[in-house]
């Protein structure tokens, strides 16, 4: 009989099949603005969870903080919402 361990207890597998591994999925870790800027200085691209346009992201380009919108980089004029935001995430690649 096949057994599975659930919360430290052995339970039997009623159909006698090997358990299928469940993929481990994590949500991106959100950060504050200072945490995100530290990552940008290290070369990361950041985005905000609240931004409707998922292709927008922030980068450091030529020593200036830029926001990339629809493939074009603009100076990022920070708002209070940007500075107080807690929903920044690292963006792996631009679209």
C-alpha atoms as a PDB file:
ATOM      1  CA  UNK A   1       0.000   0.000   0.000  1.00  0.00           C
ATOM      2  CA  UNK A   2       1.229   3.481  -0.862  1.00  0.00           C
ATOM      3  CA  UNK A   3       1.327   6.045   1.903  1.00  0.00           C
ATOM      4  CA  UNK A   4       1.598   9.817   1.908  1.00  0.00           C
ATOM      5  CA  UNK A   5       2.746  12.068   4.712  1.00  0.00           C
ATOM      6  CA  UNK A   6       0.430  14.969   5.454  1.00  0.00           C
ATOM      7  CA  UNK A   7       1.275  17.376   8.278  1.00  0.00           C
ATOM      8  CA  UNK A   8       3.651  14.816   9.765  1.00  0.00           C
ATOM      9  CA  UNK A   9       1.120  11.938   9.721  1.00  0.00           C
ATOM     10  CA  UNK A  10       1.110   8.971   7.375  1.00  0.00           C
ATOM     11  CA  UNK A  11      -2.127   8.600   5.466  1.00  0.00           C
ATOM     12  CA  UNK A  12      -2.894   5.895   2.964  1.00  0.00           C
ATOM     13  CA  UNK A  13      -3.323   6.589  -0.710  1.00  0.00           C
ATOM     14  CA  UNK A  14      -6.853   5.292  -1.405  1.00  0.00           C
ATOM     15  CA  UNK A  15      -6.300   4.559  -5.093  1.00  0.00           C
ATOM     16  CA  UNK A  16      -2.887   2.990  -4.612  1.00  0.00           C
ATOM     17  CA  UNK A  17      -1.171   5.333  -7.068  1.00  0.00           C
ATOM     18  CA  UNK A  18       2.034   7.185  -6.579  1.00  0.00           C
ATOM     19  CA  UNK A  19       1.380  10.755  -5.498  1.00  0.00           C
ATOM     20  CA  UNK A  20       1.866  13.413  -8.159  1.00  0.00           C
ATOM     21  CA  UNK A  21       4.090  16.226  -6.964  1.00  0.00           C
ATOM     22  CA  UNK A  22       2.312  19.549  -6.669  1.00  0.00           C
ATOM     23  CA  UNK A  23       4.297  22.372  -8.237  1.00  0.00           C
ATOM     24  CA  UNK A  24       5.513  24.916  -5.713  1.00  0.00           C
ATOM     25  CA  UNK A  25       4.242  28.345  -6.736  1.00  0.00           C
ATOM     26  CA  UNK A  26       5.194  31.490  -4.880  1.00  0.00           C
ATOM     27  CA  UNK A  27       3.901  35.003  -5.195  1.00  0.00           C
ATOM     28  CA  UNK A  28       6.529  37.629  -5.963  1.00  0.00           C
ATOM     29  CA  UNK A  29       7.886  39.274  -2.830  1.00  0.00           C
ATOM     30  CA  UNK A  30       6.741  42.862  -2.749  1.00  0.00           C
ATOM     31  CA  UNK A  31       9.059  45.562  -1.444  1.00  0.00           C
ATOM     32  CA  UNK A  32       9.007  49.137  -0.246  1.00  0.00           C
ATOM     33  CA  UNK A  33      10.393  51.909  -2.442  1.00  0.00           C
ATOM     34  CA  UNK A  34      13.777  52.055  -0.622  1.00  0.00           C
ATOM     35  CA  UNK A  35      14.165  48.274  -0.962  1.00  0.00           C
ATOM     36  CA  UNK A  36      13.241  48.437  -4.644  1.00  0.00           C
ATOM     37  CA  UNK A  37      15.631  51.313  -5.362  1.00  0.00           C
ATOM     38  CA  UNK A  38      18.474  49.367  -3.754  1.00  0.00           C
ATOM     39  CA  UNK A  39      17.747  46.567  -6.222  1.00  0.00           C
ATOM     40  CA  UNK A  40      17.572  49.036  -9.146  1.00  0.00           C
ATOM     41  CA  UNK A  41      21.025  50.336  -8.179  1.00  0.00           C
ATOM     42  CA  UNK A  42      22.213  46.722  -8.460  1.00  0.00           C
ATOM     43  CA  UNK A  43      20.796  46.547 -12.009  1.00  0.00           C
ATOM     44  CA  UNK A  44      17.302  45.136 -11.475  1.00  0.00           C
ATOM     45  CA  UNK A  45      14.149  46.283 -13.222  1.00  0.00           C
ATOM     46  CA  UNK A  46      11.196  47.024 -10.930  1.00  0.00           C
ATOM     47  CA  UNK A  47       7.487  47.314 -11.440  1.00  0.00           C
ATOM     48  CA  UNK A  48       4.500  47.896  -9.179  1.00  0.00           C
ATOM     49  CA  UNK A  49       1.692  45.444  -8.663  1.00  0.00           C
ATOM     50  CA  UNK A  50      -0.850  48.277  -8.944  1.00  0.00           C
ATOM     51  CA  UNK A  51       0.306  49.370 -12.409  1.00  0.00           C
ATOM     52  CA  UNK A  52      -2.257  48.351 -15.010  1.00  0.00           C
ATOM     53  CA  UNK A  53       0.343  48.274 -17.786  1.00  0.00           C
ATOM     54  CA  UNK A  54       2.413  45.185 -17.062  1.00  0.00           C
ATOM     55  CA  UNK A  55       5.011  46.241 -19.629  1.00  0.00           C
ATOM     56  CA  UNK A  56       6.014  49.321 -17.573  1.00  0.00           C
ATOM     57  CA  UNK A  57       9.083  49.136 -15.368  1.00  0.00           C
ATOM     58  CA  UNK A  58      11.682  51.277 -13.666  1.00  0.00           C
ATOM     59  CA  UNK A  59      15.431  51.154 -14.309  1.00  0.00           C
ATOM     60  CA  UNK A  60      18.579  53.143 -13.710  1.00  0.00           C
ATOM     61  CA  UNK A  61      19.843  54.467 -17.040  1.00  0.00           C
ATOM     62  CA  UNK A  62      22.823  56.787 -17.398  1.00  0.00           C
ATOM     63  CA  UNK A  63      22.698  57.508 -13.663  1.00  0.00           C
ATOM     64  CA  UNK A  64      19.032  58.562 -13.716  1.00  0.00           C
ATOM     65  CA  UNK A  65      15.911  56.785 -12.564  1.00  0.00           C
ATOM     66  CA  UNK A  66      13.796  56.071 -15.631  1.00  0.00           C
ATOM     67  CA  UNK A  67      10.393  54.559 -16.210  1.00  0.00           C
ATOM     68  CA  UNK A  68       9.948  52.573 -19.392  1.00  0.00           C
ATOM     69  CA  UNK A  69       6.499  52.936 -20.946  1.00  0.00           C
ATOM     70  CA  UNK A  70       5.676  51.180 -24.210  1.00  0.00           C
ATOM     71  CA  UNK A  71       9.355  50.696 -24.968  1.00  0.00           C
ATOM     72  CA  UNK A  72      10.431  54.323 -24.385  1.00  0.00           C
ATOM     73  CA  UNK A  73      12.374  55.528 -21.322  1.00  0.00           C
ATOM     74  CA  UNK A  74      11.299  58.716 -19.527  1.00  0.00           C
ATOM     75  CA  UNK A  75      12.561  60.450 -16.387  1.00  0.00           C
ATOM     76  CA  UNK A  76      10.571  59.020 -13.500  1.00  0.00           C
ATOM     77  CA  UNK A  77       9.025  61.929 -11.610  1.00  0.00           C
ATOM     78  CA  UNK A  78       8.255  60.322  -8.269  1.00  0.00           C
ATOM     79  CA  UNK A  79       4.952  60.935  -6.505  1.00  0.00           C
ATOM     80  CA  UNK A  80       4.088  60.431  -2.833  1.00  0.00           C
ATOM     81  CA  UNK A  81       2.371  57.209  -3.892  1.00  0.00           C
ATOM     82  CA  UNK A  82       5.604  56.009  -5.501  1.00  0.00           C
ATOM     83  CA  UNK A  83       7.688  56.871  -2.441  1.00  0.00           C
ATOM     84  CA  UNK A  84       5.252  55.288   0.010  1.00  0.00           C
ATOM     85  CA  UNK A  85       4.445  52.261  -2.158  1.00  0.00           C
ATOM     86  CA  UNK A  86       4.868  48.796  -0.685  1.00  0.00           C
ATOM     87  CA  UNK A  87       4.026  46.827  -3.825  1.00  0.00           C
ATOM     88  CA  UNK A  88       7.241  46.928  -5.847  1.00  0.00           C
ATOM     89  CA  UNK A  89       8.463  43.684  -7.370  1.00  0.00           C
ATOM     90  CA  UNK A  90      11.468  42.690  -9.435  1.00  0.00           C
ATOM     91  CA  UNK A  91      10.756  42.271 -13.105  1.00  0.00           C
ATOM     92  CA  UNK A  92      12.691  39.500 -14.807  1.00  0.00           C
ATOM     93  CA  UNK A  93      12.473  40.668 -18.435  1.00  0.00           C
ATOM     94  CA  UNK A  94      10.686  43.431 -20.277  1.00  0.00           C
ATOM     95  CA  UNK A  95       7.905  42.413 -22.677  1.00  0.00           C
END
